């Protein structure tokens, strides 16, 4: 009986953490309100989470620039997209949102 309780507890934990990961793109707009230009990359990641992708990097005469992206989605607008954040020498210098409509493909 104790074994079954543990299995149910583990299943519940797994489902709750899975839902959190799946819902993250829908929570991104709210988290972006806490982002400010000049923040370090480490601070931005501590707010937005580690679920980002590297979107590019380049060297300029003023220093190195790295861009990362976070997926975003909106059920009310029926859109998906990305927040793109650019860091110059480890400090946030620019961010913007690209979004596009979700197309439901029905065959």
PDB file of N, CA and C in Angstrom:
ATOM      1  N   UNK A   1       0.812  -1.192   0.000  1.00  0.00           N
ATOM      2  CA  UNK A   1       0.000   0.000   0.000  1.00  0.00           C
ATOM      3  C   UNK A   1       0.863   1.267   0.000  1.00  0.00           C
ATOM      4  N   UNK A   2       1.948   1.252   0.801  1.00  0.00           N
ATOM      5  CA  UNK A   2       2.833   2.405   0.831  1.00  0.00           C
ATOM      6  C   UNK A   2       3.471   2.637  -0.525  1.00  0.00           C
ATOM      7  N   UNK A   3       3.789   1.548  -1.220  1.00  0.00           N
ATOM      8  CA  UNK A   3       4.403   1.656  -2.536  1.00  0.00           C
ATOM      9  C   UNK A   3       3.471   2.366  -3.520  1.00  0.00           C
ATOM     10  N   UNK A   4       2.185   2.075  -3.454  1.00  0.00           N
ATOM     11  CA  UNK A   4       1.206   2.713  -4.336  1.00  0.00           C
ATOM     12  C   UNK A   4       1.105   4.209  -4.048  1.00  0.00           C
ATOM     13  N   UNK A   5       1.140   4.586  -2.768  1.00  0.00           N
ATOM     14  CA  UNK A   5       1.082   6.005  -2.406  1.00  0.00           C
ATOM     15  C   UNK A   5       2.284   6.743  -2.980  1.00  0.00           C
ATOM     16  N   UNK A   6       3.468   6.132  -2.893  1.00  0.00           N
ATOM     17  CA  UNK A   6       4.679   6.745  -3.445  1.00  0.00           C
ATOM     18  C   UNK A   6       4.577   6.887  -4.960  1.00  0.00           C
ATOM     19  N   UNK A   7       4.028   5.872  -5.604  1.00  0.00           N
ATOM     20  CA  UNK A   7       3.894   5.933  -7.060  1.00  0.00           C
ATOM     21  C   UNK A   7       2.930   7.053  -7.462  1.00  0.00           C
ATOM     22  N   UNK A   8       1.819   7.198  -6.748  1.00  0.00           N
ATOM     23  CA  UNK A   8       0.874   8.281  -7.034  1.00  0.00           C
ATOM     24  C   UNK A   8       1.510   9.647  -6.771  1.00  0.00           C
ATOM     25  N   UNK A   9       2.280   9.736  -5.696  1.00  0.00           N
ATOM     26  CA  UNK A   9       2.955  10.998  -5.376  1.00  0.00           C
ATOM     27  C   UNK A   9       3.957  11.368  -6.470  1.00  0.00           C
ATOM     28  N   UNK A  10       4.742  10.401  -6.915  1.00  0.00           N
ATOM     29  CA  UNK A  10       5.707  10.662  -7.983  1.00  0.00           C
ATOM     30  C   UNK A  10       5.010  11.034  -9.288  1.00  0.00           C
ATOM     31  N   UNK A  11       3.921  10.370  -9.598  1.00  0.00           N
ATOM     32  CA  UNK A  11       3.156  10.687 -10.799  1.00  0.00           C
ATOM     33  C   UNK A  11       2.609  12.114 -10.724  1.00  0.00           C
ATOM     34  N   UNK A  12       2.093  12.507  -9.583  1.00  0.00           N
ATOM     35  CA  UNK A  12       1.558  13.866  -9.404  1.00  0.00           C
ATOM     36  C   UNK A  12       2.653  14.909  -9.578  1.00  0.00           C
ATOM     37  N   UNK A  13       3.812  14.661  -9.002  1.00  0.00           N
ATOM     38  CA  UNK A  13       4.943  15.593  -9.136  1.00  0.00           C
ATOM     39  C   UNK A  13       5.350  15.709 -10.587  1.00  0.00           C
ATOM     40  N   UNK A  14       5.450  14.587 -11.287  1.00  0.00           N
ATOM     41  CA  UNK A  14       5.814  14.594 -12.700  1.00  0.00           C
ATOM     42  C   UNK A  14       4.812  15.401 -13.523  1.00  0.00           C
ATOM     43  N   UNK A  15       3.539  15.179 -13.295  1.00  0.00           N
ATOM     44  CA  UNK A  15       2.510  15.891 -14.062  1.00  0.00           C
ATOM     45  C   UNK A  15       2.530  17.386 -13.774  1.00  0.00           C
ATOM     46  N   UNK A  16       2.717  17.765 -12.540  1.00  0.00           N
ATOM     47  CA  UNK A  16       2.753  19.180 -12.191  1.00  0.00           C
ATOM     48  C   UNK A  16       3.956  19.883 -12.792  1.00  0.00           C
ATOM     49  N   UNK A  17       5.119  19.243 -12.768  1.00  0.00           N
ATOM     50  CA  UNK A  17       6.298  19.875 -13.351  1.00  0.00           C
ATOM     51  C   UNK A  17       6.206  19.893 -14.865  1.00  0.00           C
ATOM     52  N   UNK A  18       5.604  18.902 -15.472  1.00  0.00           N
ATOM     53  CA  UNK A  18       5.421  18.886 -16.924  1.00  0.00           C
ATOM     54  C   UNK A  18       4.505  20.017 -17.355  1.00  0.00           C
ATOM     55  N   UNK A  19       3.434  20.235 -16.634  1.00  0.00           N
ATOM     56  CA  UNK A  19       2.503  21.314 -16.970  1.00  0.00           C
ATOM     57  C   UNK A  19       3.188  22.666 -16.854  1.00  0.00           C
ATOM     58  N   UNK A  20       4.043  22.833 -15.871  1.00  0.00           N
ATOM     59  CA  UNK A  20       4.771  24.084 -15.714  1.00  0.00           C
ATOM     60  C   UNK A  20       5.656  24.363 -16.910  1.00  0.00           C
ATOM     61  N   UNK A  21       6.326  23.355 -17.418  1.00  0.00           N
ATOM     62  CA  UNK A  21       7.185  23.505 -18.583  1.00  0.00           C
ATOM     63  C   UNK A  21       6.360  23.807 -19.817  1.00  0.00           C
ATOM     64  N   UNK A  22       5.240  23.123 -19.982  1.00  0.00           N
ATOM     65  CA  UNK A  22       4.382  23.355 -21.143  1.00  0.00           C
ATOM     66  C   UNK A  22       3.740  24.735 -21.105  1.00  0.00           C
ATOM     67  N   UNK A  23       3.475  25.252 -19.931  1.00  0.00           N
ATOM     68  CA  UNK A  23       2.810  26.542 -19.800  1.00  0.00           C
ATOM     69  C   UNK A  23       3.775  27.718 -19.851  1.00  0.00           C
ATOM     70  N   UNK A  24       5.077  27.469 -19.797  1.00  0.00           N
ATOM     71  CA  UNK A  24       6.046  28.558 -19.731  1.00  0.00           C
ATOM     72  C   UNK A  24       5.894  29.585 -20.854  1.00  0.00           C
ATOM     73  N   UNK A  25       5.701  29.172 -22.123  1.00  0.00           N
ATOM     74  CA  UNK A  25       5.535  30.199 -23.161  1.00  0.00           C
ATOM     75  C   UNK A  25       4.341  31.125 -22.904  1.00  0.00           C
ATOM     76  N   UNK A  26       3.300  30.629 -22.233  1.00  0.00           N
ATOM     77  CA  UNK A  26       2.120  31.442 -21.960  1.00  0.00           C
ATOM     78  C   UNK A  26       2.338  32.396 -20.787  1.00  0.00           C
ATOM     79  N   UNK A  27       3.408  32.211 -20.032  1.00  0.00           N
ATOM     80  CA  UNK A  27       3.710  33.052 -18.877  1.00  0.00           C
ATOM     81  C   UNK A  27       4.782  34.094 -19.180  1.00  0.00           C
ATOM     82  N   UNK A  28       5.355  34.048 -20.374  1.00  0.00           N
ATOM     83  CA  UNK A  28       6.504  34.894 -20.694  1.00  0.00           C
ATOM     84  C   UNK A  28       6.164  36.382 -20.698  1.00  0.00           C
ATOM     85  N   UNK A  29       4.990  36.778 -21.188  1.00  0.00           N
ATOM     86  CA  UNK A  29       4.643  38.202 -21.219  1.00  0.00           C
ATOM     87  C   UNK A  29       4.691  38.817 -19.828  1.00  0.00           C
ATOM     88  N   UNK A  30       4.175  38.101 -18.834  1.00  0.00           N
ATOM     89  CA  UNK A  30       4.200  38.604 -17.463  1.00  0.00           C
ATOM     90  C   UNK A  30       5.612  38.724 -16.915  1.00  0.00           C
ATOM     91  N   UNK A  31       6.453  37.754 -17.218  1.00  0.00           N
ATOM     92  CA  UNK A  31       7.834  37.777 -16.731  1.00  0.00           C
ATOM     93  C   UNK A  31       8.636  38.911 -17.370  1.00  0.00           C
ATOM     94  N   UNK A  32       8.325  39.241 -18.617  1.00  0.00           N
ATOM     95  CA  UNK A  32       9.082  40.288 -19.311  1.00  0.00           C
ATOM     96  C   UNK A  32       8.893  41.655 -18.660  1.00  0.00           C
ATOM     97  N   UNK A  33       7.842  41.836 -17.903  1.00  0.00           N
ATOM     98  CA  UNK A  33       7.615  43.111 -17.214  1.00  0.00           C
ATOM     99  C   UNK A  33       8.698  43.400 -16.186  1.00  0.00           C
ATOM    100  N   UNK A  34       9.406  42.361 -15.739  1.00  0.00           N
ATOM    101  CA  UNK A  34      10.467  42.528 -14.741  1.00  0.00           C
ATOM    102  C   UNK A  34      11.840  42.744 -15.371  1.00  0.00           C
ATOM    103  N   UNK A  35      11.909  42.720 -16.690  1.00  0.00           N
ATOM    104  CA  UNK A  35      13.198  42.858 -17.392  1.00  0.00           C
ATOM    105  C   UNK A  35      13.493  44.327 -17.666  1.00  0.00           C
ATOM    106  N   UNK A  36      14.739  44.723 -17.412  1.00  0.00           N
ATOM    107  CA  UNK A  36      15.173  46.104 -17.647  1.00  0.00           C
ATOM    108  C   UNK A  36      16.475  46.110 -18.423  1.00  0.00           C
ATOM    109  N   UNK A  37      16.612  47.084 -19.300  1.00  0.00           N
ATOM    110  CA  UNK A  37      17.868  47.246 -20.022  1.00  0.00           C
ATOM    111  C   UNK A  37      18.989  47.476 -19.014  1.00  0.00           C
ATOM    112  N   UNK A  38      20.160  46.937 -19.326  1.00  0.00           N
ATOM    113  CA  UNK A  38      21.307  47.064 -18.426  1.00  0.00           C
ATOM    114  C   UNK A  38      21.481  45.881 -17.485  1.00  0.00           C
ATOM    115  N   UNK A  39      20.459  45.012 -17.391  1.00  0.00           N
ATOM    116  CA  UNK A  39      20.584  43.822 -16.537  1.00  0.00           C
ATOM    117  C   UNK A  39      21.641  42.884 -17.104  1.00  0.00           C
ATOM    118  N   UNK A  40      22.255  42.124 -16.235  1.00  0.00           N
ATOM    119  CA  UNK A  40      23.205  41.120 -16.693  1.00  0.00           C
ATOM    120  C   UNK A  40      22.445  39.929 -17.279  1.00  0.00           C
ATOM    121  N   UNK A  41      23.143  39.162 -18.100  1.00  0.00           N
ATOM    122  CA  UNK A  41      22.531  37.968 -18.673  1.00  0.00           C
ATOM    123  C   UNK A  41      22.115  37.009 -17.557  1.00  0.00           C
ATOM    124  N   UNK A  42      22.933  36.900 -16.545  1.00  0.00           N
ATOM    125  CA  UNK A  42      22.629  36.009 -15.420  1.00  0.00           C
ATOM    126  C   UNK A  42      21.329  36.431 -14.731  1.00  0.00           C
ATOM    127  N   UNK A  43      21.127  37.721 -14.532  1.00  0.00           N
ATOM    128  CA  UNK A  43      19.916  38.232 -13.889  1.00  0.00           C
ATOM    129  C   UNK A  43      18.688  37.967 -14.761  1.00  0.00           C
ATOM    130  N   UNK A  44      18.818  38.202 -16.071  1.00  0.00           N
ATOM    131  CA  UNK A  44      17.706  37.961 -16.992  1.00  0.00           C
ATOM    132  C   UNK A  44      17.298  36.490 -16.950  1.00  0.00           C
ATOM    133  N   UNK A  45      18.277  35.596 -16.981  1.00  0.00           N
ATOM    134  CA  UNK A  45      17.990  34.158 -16.948  1.00  0.00           C
ATOM    135  C   UNK A  45      17.363  33.764 -15.608  1.00  0.00           C
ATOM    136  N   UNK A  46      17.767  34.422 -14.535  1.00  0.00           N
ATOM    137  CA  UNK A  46      17.162  34.100 -13.235  1.00  0.00           C
ATOM    138  C   UNK A  46      15.682  34.489 -13.205  1.00  0.00           C
ATOM    139  N   UNK A  47      15.279  35.466 -13.997  1.00  0.00           N
ATOM    140  CA  UNK A  47      13.876  35.900 -14.058  1.00  0.00           C
ATOM    141  C   UNK A  47      13.092  35.064 -15.062  1.00  0.00           C
ATOM    142  N   UNK A  48      13.657  34.872 -16.255  1.00  0.00           N
ATOM    143  CA  UNK A  48      12.932  34.211 -17.340  1.00  0.00           C
ATOM    144  C   UNK A  48      13.097  32.694 -17.374  1.00  0.00           C
ATOM    145  N   UNK A  49      14.132  32.182 -16.747  1.00  0.00           N
ATOM    146  CA  UNK A  49      14.356  30.747 -16.735  1.00  0.00           C
ATOM    147  C   UNK A  49      15.433  30.316 -17.716  1.00  0.00           C
ATOM    148  N   UNK A  50      15.810  29.050 -17.612  1.00  0.00           N
ATOM    149  CA  UNK A  50      16.909  28.508 -18.415  1.00  0.00           C
ATOM    150  C   UNK A  50      16.446  27.906 -19.738  1.00  0.00           C
ATOM    151  N   UNK A  51      15.167  28.016 -20.042  1.00  0.00           N
ATOM    152  CA  UNK A  51      14.626  27.415 -21.253  1.00  0.00           C
ATOM    153  C   UNK A  51      14.719  28.386 -22.441  1.00  0.00           C
ATOM    154  N   UNK A  52      15.943  28.760 -22.809  1.00  0.00           N
ATOM    155  CA  UNK A  52      16.157  29.677 -23.921  1.00  0.00           C
ATOM    156  C   UNK A  52      17.025  29.009 -24.969  1.00  0.00           C
ATOM    157  N   UNK A  53      17.054  29.621 -26.148  1.00  0.00           N
ATOM    158  CA  UNK A  53      17.914  29.141 -27.229  1.00  0.00           C
ATOM    159  C   UNK A  53      18.863  30.251 -27.618  1.00  0.00           C
ATOM    160  N   UNK A  54      20.063  29.881 -28.020  1.00  0.00           N
ATOM    161  CA  UNK A  54      21.000  30.850 -28.557  1.00  0.00           C
ATOM    162  C   UNK A  54      20.534  31.218 -29.962  1.00  0.00           C
ATOM    163  N   UNK A  55      20.354  32.507 -30.213  1.00  0.00           N
ATOM    164  CA  UNK A  55      19.841  32.960 -31.509  1.00  0.00           C
ATOM    165  C   UNK A  55      20.920  33.610 -32.364  1.00  0.00           C
ATOM    166  N   UNK A  56      22.109  33.832 -31.810  1.00  0.00           N
ATOM    167  CA  UNK A  56      23.184  34.411 -32.606  1.00  0.00           C
ATOM    168  C   UNK A  56      24.214  35.115 -31.752  1.00  0.00           C
ATOM    169  N   UNK A  57      25.340  35.424 -32.388  1.00  0.00           N
ATOM    170  CA  UNK A  57      26.420  36.152 -31.728  1.00  0.00           C
ATOM    171  C   UNK A  57      27.254  36.831 -32.801  1.00  0.00           C
ATOM    172  N   UNK A  58      27.826  37.983 -32.454  1.00  0.00           N
ATOM    173  CA  UNK A  58      28.696  38.678 -33.402  1.00  0.00           C
ATOM    174  C   UNK A  58      29.642  39.609 -32.657  1.00  0.00           C
ATOM    175  N   UNK A  59      30.738  39.935 -33.303  1.00  0.00           N
ATOM    176  CA  UNK A  59      31.699  40.892 -32.758  1.00  0.00           C
ATOM    177  C   UNK A  59      31.497  42.221 -33.485  1.00  0.00           C
ATOM    178  N   UNK A  60      31.524  43.294 -32.735  1.00  0.00           N
ATOM    179  CA  UNK A  60      31.468  44.625 -33.317  1.00  0.00           C
ATOM    180  C   UNK A  60      32.674  45.402 -32.813  1.00  0.00           C
ATOM    181  N   UNK A  61      32.866  46.567 -33.346  1.00  0.00           N
ATOM    182  CA  UNK A  61      33.981  47.398 -32.878  1.00  0.00           C
ATOM    183  C   UNK A  61      33.755  47.846 -31.433  1.00  0.00           C
ATOM    184  N   UNK A  62      32.504  47.772 -30.975  1.00  0.00           N
ATOM    185  CA  UNK A  62      32.180  48.178 -29.607  1.00  0.00           C
ATOM    186  C   UNK A  62      32.181  47.019 -28.618  1.00  0.00           C
ATOM    187  N   UNK A  63      32.312  45.774 -29.100  1.00  0.00           N
ATOM    188  CA  UNK A  63      32.314  44.619 -28.217  1.00  0.00           C
ATOM    189  C   UNK A  63      31.505  43.472 -28.795  1.00  0.00           C
ATOM    190  N   UNK A  64      31.385  42.396 -28.037  1.00  0.00           N
ATOM    191  CA  UNK A  64      30.656  41.232 -28.513  1.00  0.00           C
ATOM    192  C   UNK A  64      29.167  41.366 -28.184  1.00  0.00           C
ATOM    193  N   UNK A  65      28.331  40.877 -29.092  1.00  0.00           N
ATOM    194  CA  UNK A  65      26.889  40.898 -28.902  1.00  0.00           C
ATOM    195  C   UNK A  65      26.365  39.482 -29.041  1.00  0.00           C
ATOM    196  N   UNK A  66      25.588  39.047 -28.061  1.00  0.00           N
ATOM    197  CA  UNK A  66      24.981  37.719 -28.060  1.00  0.00           C
ATOM    198  C   UNK A  66      23.475  37.893 -27.964  1.00  0.00           C
ATOM    199  N   UNK A  67      22.728  37.108 -28.738  1.00  0.00           N
ATOM    200  CA  UNK A  67      21.272  37.166 -28.715  1.00  0.00           C
ATOM    201  C   UNK A  67      20.719  35.807 -28.327  1.00  0.00           C
ATOM    202  N   UNK A  68      19.776  35.822 -27.383  1.00  0.00           N
ATOM    203  CA  UNK A  68      19.084  34.601 -26.968  1.00  0.00           C
ATOM    204  C   UNK A  68      17.588  34.803 -27.208  1.00  0.00           C
ATOM    205  N   UNK A  69      16.849  33.690 -27.282  1.00  0.00           N
ATOM    206  CA  UNK A  69      15.412  33.801 -27.519  1.00  0.00           C
ATOM    207  C   UNK A  69      14.630  32.910 -26.564  1.00  0.00           C
ATOM    208  N   UNK A  70      13.447  33.391 -26.231  1.00  0.00           N
ATOM    209  CA  UNK A  70      12.496  32.660 -25.412  1.00  0.00           C
ATOM    210  C   UNK A  70      11.190  32.551 -26.184  1.00  0.00           C
ATOM    211  N   UNK A  71      10.628  31.362 -26.219  1.00  0.00           N
ATOM    212  CA  UNK A  71       9.345  31.146 -26.897  1.00  0.00           C
ATOM    213  C   UNK A  71       8.231  31.790 -26.084  1.00  0.00           C
ATOM    214  N   UNK A  72       7.266  32.368 -26.784  1.00  0.00           N
ATOM    215  CA  UNK A  72       6.100  32.958 -26.137  1.00  0.00           C
ATOM    216  C   UNK A  72       4.848  32.576 -26.913  1.00  0.00           C
ATOM    217  N   UNK A  73       3.722  32.598 -26.251  1.00  0.00           N
ATOM    218  CA  UNK A  73       2.447  32.268 -26.891  1.00  0.00           C
ATOM    219  C   UNK A  73       1.323  32.978 -26.150  1.00  0.00           C
ATOM    220  N   UNK A  74       0.253  33.233 -26.864  1.00  0.00           N
ATOM    221  CA  UNK A  74      -0.909  33.873 -26.271  1.00  0.00           C
ATOM    222  C   UNK A  74      -2.171  33.172 -26.754  1.00  0.00           C
ATOM    223  N   UNK A  75      -2.947  32.651 -25.814  1.00  0.00           N
ATOM    224  CA  UNK A  75      -4.218  32.016 -26.175  1.00  0.00           C
ATOM    225  C   UNK A  75      -5.250  33.061 -26.575  1.00  0.00           C
ATOM    226  N   UNK A  76      -5.227  34.228 -25.911  1.00  0.00           N
ATOM    227  CA  UNK A  76      -6.229  35.248 -26.204  1.00  0.00           C
ATOM    228  C   UNK A  76      -6.027  35.861 -27.584  1.00  0.00           C
ATOM    229  N   UNK A  77      -4.764  36.008 -28.017  1.00  0.00           N
ATOM    230  CA  UNK A  77      -4.481  36.562 -29.341  1.00  0.00           C
ATOM    231  C   UNK A  77      -4.298  35.475 -30.391  1.00  0.00           C
ATOM    232  N   UNK A  78      -4.240  34.210 -29.950  1.00  0.00           N
ATOM    233  CA  UNK A  78      -3.982  33.074 -30.835  1.00  0.00           C
ATOM    234  C   UNK A  78      -2.686  33.278 -31.628  1.00  0.00           C
ATOM    235  N   UNK A  79      -1.625  33.646 -30.899  1.00  0.00           N
ATOM    236  CA  UNK A  79      -0.322  33.889 -31.522  1.00  0.00           C
ATOM    237  C   UNK A  79       0.767  33.093 -30.806  1.00  0.00           C
ATOM    238  N   UNK A  80       1.850  32.895 -31.519  1.00  0.00           N
ATOM    239  CA  UNK A  80       3.083  32.346 -30.971  1.00  0.00           C
ATOM    240  C   UNK A  80       4.205  33.267 -31.414  1.00  0.00           C
ATOM    241  N   UNK A  81       5.363  33.125 -30.794  1.00  0.00           N
ATOM    242  CA  UNK A  81       6.485  33.943 -31.208  1.00  0.00           C
ATOM    243  C   UNK A  81       7.669  33.772 -30.289  1.00  0.00           C
ATOM    244  N   UNK A  82       8.547  34.762 -30.332  1.00  0.00           N
ATOM    245  CA  UNK A  82       9.773  34.733 -29.550  1.00  0.00           C
ATOM    246  C   UNK A  82      10.086  36.113 -29.000  1.00  0.00           C
ATOM    247  N   UNK A  83      10.638  36.133 -27.803  1.00  0.00           N
ATOM    248  CA  UNK A  83      11.304  37.326 -27.303  1.00  0.00           C
ATOM    249  C   UNK A  83      12.771  37.152 -27.644  1.00  0.00           C
ATOM    250  N   UNK A  84      13.355  38.135 -28.277  1.00  0.00           N
ATOM    251  CA  UNK A  84      14.775  38.114 -28.600  1.00  0.00           C
ATOM    252  C   UNK A  84      15.470  39.159 -27.736  1.00  0.00           C
ATOM    253  N   UNK A  85      16.494  38.727 -27.009  1.00  0.00           N
ATOM    254  CA  UNK A  85      17.206  39.607 -26.092  1.00  0.00           C
ATOM    255  C   UNK A  85      18.677  39.642 -26.471  1.00  0.00           C
ATOM    256  N   UNK A  86      19.217  40.845 -26.645  1.00  0.00           N
ATOM    257  CA  UNK A  86      20.614  41.005 -27.050  1.00  0.00           C
ATOM    258  C   UNK A  86      21.438  41.591 -25.914  1.00  0.00           C
ATOM    259  N   UNK A  87      22.592  40.973 -25.702  1.00  0.00           N
ATOM    260  CA  UNK A  87      23.514  41.374 -24.645  1.00  0.00           C
ATOM    261  C   UNK A  87      24.829  41.840 -25.260  1.00  0.00           C
ATOM    262  N   UNK A  88      25.282  43.009 -24.855  1.00  0.00           N
ATOM    263  CA  UNK A  88      26.599  43.503 -25.267  1.00  0.00           C
ATOM    264  C   UNK A  88      27.505  43.398 -24.057  1.00  0.00           C
ATOM    265  N   UNK A  89      28.547  42.602 -24.207  1.00  0.00           N
ATOM    266  CA  UNK A  89      29.485  42.361 -23.111  1.00  0.00           C
ATOM    267  C   UNK A  89      28.757  41.944 -21.825  1.00  0.00           C
ATOM    268  N   UNK A  90      27.731  41.076 -21.990  1.00  0.00           N
ATOM    269  CA  UNK A  90      27.025  40.508 -20.840  1.00  0.00           C
ATOM    270  C   UNK A  90      25.911  41.357 -20.261  1.00  0.00           C
ATOM    271  N   UNK A  91      25.615  42.539 -20.839  1.00  0.00           N
ATOM    272  CA  UNK A  91      24.550  43.417 -20.343  1.00  0.00           C
ATOM    273  C   UNK A  91      23.459  43.544 -21.398  1.00  0.00           C
ATOM    274  N   UNK A  92      22.196  43.515 -20.958  1.00  0.00           N
ATOM    275  CA  UNK A  92      21.061  43.614 -21.875  1.00  0.00           C
ATOM    276  C   UNK A  92      21.006  45.007 -22.491  1.00  0.00           C
ATOM    277  N   UNK A  93      21.091  45.066 -23.830  1.00  0.00           N
ATOM    278  CA  UNK A  93      21.065  46.348 -24.535  1.00  0.00           C
ATOM    279  C   UNK A  93      19.836  46.501 -25.430  1.00  0.00           C
ATOM    280  N   UNK A  94      19.135  45.390 -25.696  1.00  0.00           N
ATOM    281  CA  UNK A  94      17.983  45.453 -26.578  1.00  0.00           C
ATOM    282  C   UNK A  94      17.136  44.204 -26.391  1.00  0.00           C
ATOM    283  N   UNK A  95      15.823  44.359 -26.510  1.00  0.00           N
ATOM    284  CA  UNK A  95      14.940  43.197 -26.577  1.00  0.00           C
ATOM    285  C   UNK A  95      13.718  43.571 -27.395  1.00  0.00           C
ATOM    286  N   UNK A  96      13.149  42.597 -28.049  1.00  0.00           N
ATOM    287  CA  UNK A  96      11.911  42.811 -28.790  1.00  0.00           C
ATOM    288  C   UNK A  96      11.182  41.490 -28.948  1.00  0.00           C
ATOM    289  N   UNK A  97       9.923  41.601 -29.355  1.00  0.00           N
ATOM    290  CA  UNK A  97       9.054  40.439 -29.487  1.00  0.00           C
ATOM    291  C   UNK A  97       8.661  40.281 -30.947  1.00  0.00           C
ATOM    292  N   UNK A  98       8.814  39.072 -31.445  1.00  0.00           N
ATOM    293  CA  UNK A  98       8.313  38.715 -32.767  1.00  0.00           C
ATOM    294  C   UNK A  98       7.145  37.767 -32.541  1.00  0.00           C
ATOM    295  N   UNK A  99       6.013  38.058 -33.173  1.00  0.00           N
ATOM    296  CA  UNK A  99       4.879  37.151 -33.015  1.00  0.00           C
ATOM    297  C   UNK A  99       4.200  36.946 -34.357  1.00  0.00           C
ATOM    298  N   UNK A 100       3.522  35.826 -34.461  1.00  0.00           N
ATOM    299  CA  UNK A 100       2.832  35.469 -35.694  1.00  0.00           C
ATOM    300  C   UNK A 100       1.599  34.654 -35.330  1.00  0.00           C
ATOM    301  N   UNK A 101       0.575  34.693 -36.173  1.00  0.00           N
ATOM    302  CA  UNK A 101      -0.654  33.964 -35.858  1.00  0.00           C
ATOM    303  C   UNK A 101      -0.448  32.463 -35.898  1.00  0.00           C
ATOM    304  N   UNK A 102      -1.186  31.773 -35.044  1.00  0.00           N
ATOM    305  CA  UNK A 102      -1.169  30.311 -35.017  1.00  0.00           C
ATOM    306  C   UNK A 102      -2.166  29.837 -36.064  1.00  0.00           C
ATOM    307  N   UNK A 103      -1.703  28.962 -36.919  1.00  0.00           N
ATOM    308  CA  UNK A 103      -2.587  28.393 -37.931  1.00  0.00           C
ATOM    309  C   UNK A 103      -2.919  26.970 -37.538  1.00  0.00           C
ATOM    310  N   UNK A 104      -4.182  26.690 -37.382  1.00  0.00           N
ATOM    311  CA  UNK A 104      -4.624  25.325 -37.078  1.00  0.00           C
ATOM    312  C   UNK A 104      -4.734  24.589 -38.396  1.00  0.00           C
ATOM    313  N   UNK A 105      -3.878  23.617 -38.589  1.00  0.00           N
ATOM    314  CA  UNK A 105      -3.883  22.848 -39.826  1.00  0.00           C
ATOM    315  C   UNK A 105      -4.856  21.682 -39.700  1.00  0.00           C
ATOM    316  N   UNK A 106      -5.936  21.772 -40.393  1.00  0.00           N
ATOM    317  CA  UNK A 106      -6.899  20.672 -40.386  1.00  0.00           C
ATOM    318  C   UNK A 106      -6.931  20.054 -41.773  1.00  0.00           C
ATOM    319  N   UNK A 107      -6.802  18.770 -41.825  1.00  0.00           N
ATOM    320  CA  UNK A 107      -6.772  18.061 -43.115  1.00  0.00           C
ATOM    321  C   UNK A 107      -8.043  17.320 -43.338  1.00  0.00           C
TER     322      UNK A 107
END
